[in-house]
């Protein structure tokens, strides 16, 4: 059983930079025994001339010290208490804001985890698209990749200037 460690969406989040990527991690819940922490992990990973945007639920087990990452919402649901579930997408959007402003990528690529995602999953991706449009990016290309997953490639309007 997991209990919430968050009551509301944070106003500000910290962006962590590593040699491989940038990340925002927001704790969501903990196991009742305190040995596992559940967090939302949102990342921008550089690749060639673009950055891939990913988010998942990460479960850190104190025994192993390594998180396992869950990209399937049905699998993640067992780790997220009901009172926290409505906070997940708003936390993703806050994370997307922070990452985009910190990194200032010219191109962001996203892809669904599932092939043939349902309308609910696509609605979440639409929310992210709308947030990125509000940050000055536009959909440059979208479609279905060779694995049957939907993708979006978004580019910054107006070149390198204009980031706030």
Protein backbone atom coordinates (compact mmCIF):
# COMPACT_ATOMS: atom_id res chain seq x y z
CA UNK A 1 0.00 0.00 0.00
CA UNK A 2 1.26 3.48 -0.87
CA UNK A 3 0.47 6.74 0.88
CA UNK A 4 0.63 10.24 -0.63
CA UNK A 5 3.63 12.49 0.01
CA UNK A 6 2.20 15.35 -2.06
CA UNK A 7 -1.02 17.28 -1.51
CA UNK A 8 -0.87 19.78 -4.37
CA UNK A 9 1.02 20.54 -7.55
CA UNK A 10 4.25 22.39 -6.74
CA UNK A 11 4.51 25.97 -8.01
CA UNK A 12 8.20 25.51 -8.79
CA UNK A 13 10.34 22.46 -9.44
CA UNK A 14 14.09 21.95 -9.69
CA UNK A 15 15.69 20.87 -12.95
CA UNK A 16 18.57 18.43 -12.47
CA UNK A 17 21.25 18.23 -15.15
CA UNK A 18 23.40 15.16 -15.67
CA UNK A 19 25.89 14.15 -18.34
CA UNK A 20 23.05 12.42 -20.20
CA UNK A 21 19.95 14.58 -19.80
CA UNK A 22 17.87 17.02 -17.76
CA UNK A 23 15.22 15.83 -15.33
CA UNK A 24 12.51 16.96 -12.95
CA UNK A 25 11.56 14.48 -10.23
CA UNK A 26 8.45 15.08 -8.13
CA UNK A 27 7.79 12.65 -5.23
CA UNK A 28 4.19 11.41 -5.25
CA UNK A 29 3.91 8.58 -2.72
CA UNK A 30 5.78 6.22 -0.43
CA UNK A 31 5.16 2.69 0.71
CA UNK A 32 3.68 2.41 4.20
CA UNK A 33 6.94 0.80 5.41
CA UNK A 34 8.97 3.65 3.91
CA UNK A 35 11.20 1.44 1.77
CA UNK A 36 9.85 2.53 -1.61
CA UNK A 37 9.38 6.01 -2.99
CA UNK A 38 7.15 6.70 -6.01
CA UNK A 39 7.93 9.75 -8.12
CA UNK A 40 7.00 11.36 -11.40
CA UNK A 41 10.09 11.60 -13.55
CA UNK A 42 10.08 13.93 -16.58
CA UNK A 43 13.18 14.09 -18.78
CA UNK A 44 14.64 15.86 -21.80
CA UNK A 45 17.25 13.68 -23.50
CA UNK A 46 19.47 15.22 -26.19
CA UNK A 47 19.69 13.28 -29.43
CA UNK A 48 21.32 14.68 -32.57
CA UNK A 49 19.68 18.08 -33.11
CA UNK A 50 16.63 17.50 -30.95
CA UNK A 51 15.57 16.52 -27.44
CA UNK A 52 13.25 13.66 -26.60
CA UNK A 53 10.67 14.42 -23.91
CA UNK A 54 9.69 11.46 -21.73
CA UNK A 55 7.79 11.03 -18.50
CA UNK A 56 7.18 8.00 -16.32
CA UNK A 57 6.49 6.82 -12.82
CA UNK A 58 9.71 5.79 -11.10
CA UNK A 59 9.68 3.51 -8.07
CA UNK A 60 12.84 3.63 -5.98
CA UNK A 61 13.45 0.65 -3.73
CA UNK A 62 15.84 1.43 -0.87
CA UNK A 63 17.23 -2.13 -0.93
CA UNK A 64 18.45 -1.89 -4.51
CA UNK A 65 18.96 1.87 -4.68
CA UNK A 66 17.85 1.74 -8.31
CA UNK A 67 14.52 2.91 -9.65
CA UNK A 68 12.40 0.92 -12.00
CA UNK A 69 10.51 3.02 -14.46
CA UNK A 70 6.91 2.45 -15.49
CA UNK A 71 5.61 3.93 -18.74
CA UNK A 72 2.29 2.05 -18.74
CA UNK A 73 -0.42 3.93 -16.83
CA UNK A 74 -2.33 0.76 -15.90
CA UNK A 75 0.79 -0.71 -14.32
CA UNK A 76 1.65 2.59 -12.61
CA UNK A 77 -1.83 2.90 -11.07
CA UNK A 78 -1.00 0.36 -8.36
CA UNK A 79 1.75 2.62 -7.04
CA UNK A 80 -0.19 5.88 -7.02
CA UNK A 81 -2.77 6.46 -4.28
CA UNK A 82 -6.18 7.57 -5.60
CA UNK A 83 -5.92 10.98 -3.92
CA UNK A 84 -2.72 11.72 -5.93
CA UNK A 85 -3.81 10.53 -9.38
CA UNK A 86 -5.41 13.83 -10.41
CA UNK A 87 -2.12 15.62 -9.62
CA UNK A 88 0.03 13.57 -12.01
CA UNK A 89 -0.73 15.36 -15.30
CA UNK A 90 -0.57 18.85 -13.77
CA UNK A 91 2.83 17.83 -12.34
CA UNK A 92 3.91 16.66 -15.80
CA UNK A 93 2.93 20.06 -17.22
CA UNK A 94 4.84 21.95 -14.50
CA UNK A 95 7.84 19.74 -15.27
CA UNK A 96 7.55 20.35 -19.01
CA UNK A 97 7.49 24.11 -18.35
CA UNK A 98 10.59 23.98 -16.15
CA UNK A 99 12.56 21.72 -18.49
CA UNK A 100 11.67 23.70 -21.60
CA UNK A 101 12.62 27.02 -20.00
CA UNK A 102 15.88 25.65 -18.53
CA UNK A 103 17.12 23.76 -21.60
CA UNK A 104 15.56 25.93 -24.34
CA UNK A 105 15.50 23.14 -26.94
CA UNK A 106 14.91 24.04 -30.56
CA UNK A 107 13.18 20.72 -31.33
CA UNK A 108 11.30 18.38 -28.98
CA UNK A 109 10.31 14.86 -30.00
CA UNK A 110 7.67 12.82 -28.14
CA UNK A 111 6.26 9.36 -28.74
CA UNK A 112 3.57 7.34 -27.01
CA UNK A 113 4.71 4.31 -25.08
CA UNK A 114 1.82 2.20 -26.30
CA UNK A 115 0.97 1.28 -29.82
CA UNK A 116 -2.55 2.35 -30.66
CA UNK A 117 -3.09 4.41 -27.48
CA UNK A 118 -6.65 5.03 -26.34
CA UNK A 119 -8.35 8.44 -26.30
CA UNK A 120 -7.48 9.03 -22.64
CA UNK A 121 -3.76 8.59 -23.29
CA UNK A 122 -3.94 10.75 -26.40
CA UNK A 123 -5.73 13.43 -24.39
CA UNK A 124 -2.73 13.59 -22.06
CA UNK A 125 -0.42 14.01 -25.02
CA UNK A 126 -2.69 16.74 -26.35
CA UNK A 127 -2.32 18.55 -23.03
CA UNK A 128 1.47 18.41 -23.39
CA UNK A 129 1.27 19.61 -27.00
CA UNK A 130 -0.87 22.57 -25.94
CA UNK A 131 1.57 23.43 -23.15
CA UNK A 132 4.52 23.33 -25.57
CA UNK A 133 2.62 25.50 -28.06
CA UNK A 134 2.10 27.99 -25.23
CA UNK A 135 5.86 27.96 -24.70
CA UNK A 136 6.51 28.90 -28.32
CA UNK A 137 6.89 25.57 -30.08
CA UNK A 138 4.76 24.35 -32.96
CA UNK A 139 4.00 20.89 -34.29
CA UNK A 140 6.44 20.39 -37.14
CA UNK A 141 5.60 16.75 -37.81
CA UNK A 142 3.30 14.13 -36.30
CA UNK A 143 2.17 10.68 -37.23
CA UNK A 144 2.78 7.03 -36.47
CA UNK A 145 6.25 5.54 -36.27
CA UNK A 146 7.26 2.13 -37.65
CA UNK A 147 6.24 0.51 -34.36
CA UNK A 148 2.67 1.88 -34.46
CA UNK A 149 3.28 4.54 -31.81
CA UNK A 150 2.08 8.09 -32.31
CA UNK A 151 4.78 10.76 -32.31
CA UNK A 152 5.12 14.54 -32.38
CA UNK A 153 8.13 16.61 -33.41
CA UNK A 154 7.78 20.19 -32.25
CA UNK A 155 10.06 23.06 -33.25
CA UNK A 156 10.74 26.44 -31.73
CA UNK A 157 9.21 29.34 -33.64
CA UNK A 158 11.44 32.32 -34.31
CA UNK A 159 14.85 30.67 -34.08
CA UNK A 160 17.02 30.73 -30.98
CA UNK A 161 15.72 33.95 -29.45
CA UNK A 162 12.60 34.55 -27.46
CA UNK A 163 12.91 32.13 -24.53
CA UNK A 164 11.62 33.60 -21.32
